[in-house]
Protein backbone atom coordinates (compact mmCIF):
# COMPACT_ATOMS: atom_id res chain seq x y z
CA MET A 1 0.00 0.00 0.00
CA GLU A 2 2.80 2.38 1.01
CA GLU A 3 4.73 1.56 -2.17
CA ALA A 4 1.70 2.34 -4.37
CA SER A 5 1.18 5.63 -2.57
CA GLN A 6 4.85 6.52 -3.01
CA GLY A 7 4.58 5.62 -6.70
CA ARG A 8 1.60 7.95 -7.16
CA ARG A 9 3.42 10.78 -5.39
CA THR A 10 6.49 10.27 -7.58
CA GLU A 11 4.32 10.12 -10.71
CA GLU A 12 2.55 13.37 -9.81
CA ARG A 13 5.78 15.16 -8.83
CA LEU A 14 7.47 14.20 -12.11
CA ARG A 15 4.36 15.11 -14.09
CA GLN A 16 4.14 18.53 -12.46
CA LEU A 17 7.85 19.18 -13.05
CA LEU A 18 7.49 18.26 -16.72
CA ILE A 19 4.37 20.40 -17.17
CA ARG A 20 6.14 23.37 -15.57
CA GLY A 21 9.19 22.67 -17.72
CA LEU A 22 7.08 22.58 -20.86
CA ALA A 23 5.65 25.95 -19.82
CA GLY A 24 9.17 27.40 -19.77
CA ASP A 25 10.40 26.78 -16.21
CA ALA A 26 14.00 25.69 -16.91
CA HIS A 27 14.70 24.89 -13.25
CA ALA A 28 11.66 22.56 -13.07
CA TYR A 29 12.68 20.89 -16.34
CA ARG A 30 16.23 20.25 -15.05
CA ALA A 31 14.76 18.81 -11.83
CA PHE A 32 12.43 16.64 -13.94
CA LEU A 33 15.32 15.21 -15.98
CA GLN A 34 17.45 14.65 -12.89
CA ASP A 35 14.69 12.88 -10.95
CA LEU A 36 13.60 10.97 -14.01
CA SER A 37 17.13 9.67 -14.60
CA GLY A 38 17.00 7.87 -11.22
CA HIS A 39 13.59 6.42 -12.06
CA LEU A 40 14.80 5.26 -15.48
CA ARG A 41 17.98 3.80 -14.02
CA ALA A 42 15.94 1.60 -11.66
CA PHE A 43 13.47 0.69 -14.43
CA LEU A 44 16.25 -0.31 -16.84
CA ARG A 45 18.43 -2.08 -14.25
CA LYS A 46 15.61 -4.60 -13.73
CA ARG A 47 15.45 -5.27 -17.45
CA LEU A 48 19.20 -5.31 -18.05
CA ALA A 49 20.32 -7.46 -15.12
CA ARG A 50 22.52 -9.46 -17.51
CA LEU A 51 23.91 -6.31 -19.19
CA PRO A 52 24.60 -3.91 -16.29
CA ASN A 53 27.22 -1.97 -18.29
CA GLU A 54 24.52 -0.88 -20.75
CA VAL A 55 22.24 0.78 -18.19
CA GLU A 56 23.87 4.24 -18.11
CA ASP A 57 24.05 4.54 -21.90
CA LEU A 58 20.42 3.50 -22.17
CA VAL A 59 19.38 5.98 -19.47
CA GLN A 60 21.05 8.76 -21.47
CA GLU A 61 19.50 7.61 -24.77
CA SER A 62 16.08 7.46 -23.11
CA LEU A 63 16.46 10.92 -21.57
CA LEU A 64 17.46 12.34 -24.96
CA ALA A 65 14.46 10.68 -26.64
CA ILE A 66 12.14 11.96 -23.91
CA HIS A 67 13.57 15.45 -24.35
CA ASN A 68 13.13 15.27 -28.12
CA GLN A 69 9.57 13.91 -27.83
CA ARG A 70 8.44 16.05 -24.87
CA HIS A 71 5.98 17.87 -27.14
CA THR A 72 4.05 14.60 -27.62
CA TYR A 73 3.28 14.15 -23.92
CA ASP A 74 -0.42 14.50 -23.12
CA PRO A 75 -0.68 15.99 -19.58
CA GLY A 76 -3.99 14.19 -19.13
CA GLN A 77 -2.24 10.81 -19.35
CA PRO A 78 0.03 9.06 -16.84
CA LEU A 79 3.62 10.20 -17.27
CA THR A 80 5.27 6.90 -16.39
CA SER A 81 3.39 5.03 -19.14
CA TRP A 82 4.69 7.51 -21.70
CA VAL A 83 8.23 7.44 -20.27
CA HIS A 84 8.29 3.64 -20.03
CA ALA A 85 7.12 3.28 -23.63
CA ILE A 86 10.02 5.45 -24.81
CA ALA A 87 12.52 3.60 -22.59
CA LYS A 88 11.25 0.23 -23.84
CA TYR A 89 11.77 1.32 -27.44
CA LYS A 90 15.33 2.31 -26.58
CA LEU A 91 15.80 -1.04 -24.85
CA VAL A 92 14.51 -2.90 -27.92
CA ASP A 93 16.87 -0.84 -30.12
CA LEU A 94 19.78 -1.78 -27.86
CA LEU A 95 18.89 -5.45 -27.93
CA ARG A 96 18.57 -5.38 -31.72
CA ARG A 97 21.97 -3.71 -32.05
CA ARG A 98 23.52 -6.24 -29.71
CA ALA A 99 21.86 -9.13 -31.54
CA ARG A 100 23.25 -7.90 -34.87
CA GLY A 101 26.68 -7.50 -33.29
CA ASP A 102 26.47 -10.96 -31.73
CA LEU A 103 25.53 -12.42 -35.09
CA LEU A 104 28.63 -10.85 -36.60
CA THR A 105 30.92 -12.24 -33.91
CA ASP A 106 29.47 -15.75 -33.39
CA PRO A 107 31.50 -18.67 -34.73
CA LEU A 108 30.41 -19.87 -38.14
CA ASP A 109 30.00 -23.44 -36.87
CA ASP A 110 26.89 -22.38 -34.97
CA ALA A 111 25.44 -20.28 -37.80
CA ASP A 112 22.74 -22.77 -38.81
CA ASP A 113 21.51 -23.29 -35.24
CA LEU A 114 21.59 -19.58 -34.53
CA ALA A 115 19.71 -18.60 -37.67
CA SER A 116 16.99 -21.18 -37.17
CA SER A 117 16.57 -20.23 -33.51
CA ALA A 118 16.61 -16.49 -34.23
CA ASP A 119 14.23 -16.91 -37.16
CA SER A 120 11.72 -18.91 -35.13
CA GLU A 121 11.95 -16.52 -32.16
CA ALA A 122 11.51 -13.52 -34.44
CA ALA A 123 8.56 -15.17 -36.17
CA GLU A 124 7.03 -15.99 -32.78
CA ALA A 125 7.53 -12.41 -31.59
CA ARG A 126 5.89 -11.09 -34.80
CA ARG A 127 2.93 -13.43 -34.28
CA ASP A 128 2.60 -12.35 -30.63
CA LEU A 129 2.79 -8.68 -31.58
CA GLY A 130 0.31 -9.25 -34.39
CA LYS A 131 -2.14 -10.87 -31.97
CA LEU A 132 -1.83 -7.99 -29.52
CA LEU A 133 -2.20 -5.37 -32.24
CA ALA A 134 -5.25 -7.14 -33.66
CA ARG A 135 -6.99 -6.57 -30.32
CA LEU A 136 -6.61 -2.79 -30.67
CA PRO A 137 -9.16 -0.60 -32.44
CA ASP A 138 -7.99 0.87 -35.78
CA ARG A 139 -7.58 4.33 -34.21
CA HIS A 140 -4.76 2.88 -32.05
CA ARG A 141 -3.51 0.00 -34.18
CA LEU A 142 -2.98 1.82 -37.47
CA PRO A 143 -0.90 4.70 -36.04
CA ILE A 144 1.36 2.20 -34.24
CA VAL A 145 1.77 0.00 -37.30
CA TYR A 146 2.46 2.93 -39.62
CA THR A 147 4.79 4.97 -37.40
CA LYS A 148 6.49 2.40 -35.18
CA LEU A 149 6.60 -0.71 -37.35
CA GLU A 150 6.71 0.70 -40.86
CA GLY A 151 8.66 3.83 -39.90
CA LEU A 152 6.37 6.36 -41.58
CA SER A 153 6.36 9.95 -40.43
CA VAL A 154 3.34 11.14 -38.47
CA ALA A 155 2.20 13.15 -41.50
CA ASP A 156 2.46 10.13 -43.83
CA ALA A 157 0.74 7.88 -41.28
CA ALA A 158 -2.07 10.42 -40.94
CA ARG A 159 -2.61 10.52 -44.70
CA ARG A 160 -2.50 6.74 -44.99
CA ALA A 161 -4.88 6.18 -42.06
CA GLY A 162 -7.20 9.03 -42.99
CA MET A 163 -6.62 10.67 -39.61
CA SER A 164 -5.30 14.02 -38.41
CA GLU A 165 -1.67 14.19 -37.29
CA SER A 166 -2.71 14.85 -33.70
CA ALA A 167 -5.06 11.83 -33.84
CA VAL A 168 -2.11 9.70 -34.99
CA LYS A 169 0.04 10.94 -32.09
CA VAL A 170 -2.75 10.32 -29.60
CA GLY A 171 -3.46 6.92 -31.17
CA VAL A 172 0.18 5.88 -30.83
CA HIS A 173 0.40 7.09 -27.23
CA ARG A 174 -2.86 5.50 -26.11
CA GLY A 175 -2.32 2.35 -28.16
CA LEU A 176 1.13 1.81 -26.63
CA LYS A 177 -0.37 2.32 -23.21
CA VAL A 178 -3.01 -0.33 -23.91
CA LEU A 179 -0.38 -2.70 -25.37
CA ALA A 180 1.81 -2.25 -22.28
CA GLY A 181 -1.18 -3.13 -20.12
CA MET A 182 -1.85 -6.23 -22.21
CA VAL A 183 1.77 -7.34 -21.92
CA ARG A 184 1.78 -6.75 -18.14
CA SER A 185 -1.49 -8.65 -17.81
CA GLU A 186 -0.19 -11.61 -19.81
CA ALA A 187 3.09 -11.59 -17.87
CA MET A 188 1.12 -11.76 -14.61
CA ASP A 189 -0.96 -14.62 -15.99
CA GLU A 190 2.24 -16.56 -16.73
CA ASP A 191 3.51 -16.10 -13.16
């Protein structure tokens, strides 16, 4: 109970600092980034227990992405969901880079086993993602598919989906939030 209460207080404090920072309060924005870095460090340490040397770089990459995307934050939405979505994308990017690097440095004797394993895991991940995305309404699913999976700009995604640019941004944000909830729910079911 105490931990949940502390989490809500931290969420609200960070949210208020960001909102003040977005309104031009440089001191509040610096405090937001400083406090957020500790939160991100803890969040990423849990996910990178086997790669502890990567945590600091990933914290910095996440902070930079958050800074660059700060205009997309909707103050009516939970801040940590938005922050965690950005950090997870940075984590996925790191893991992809490492996987490519590992593929380049693995012995050739294991190449067949590695390729078949990686191919089946990638195919399984695509199927799982496809199943999760299929559960989303078009207003959330299409913006995610177009911007995050196909790499289209927001403007191109808006044209393709027949939506406004702001609707695409909101659709991505809300859709990622729903997807994160689905993943958490399924992870709890597995435990």
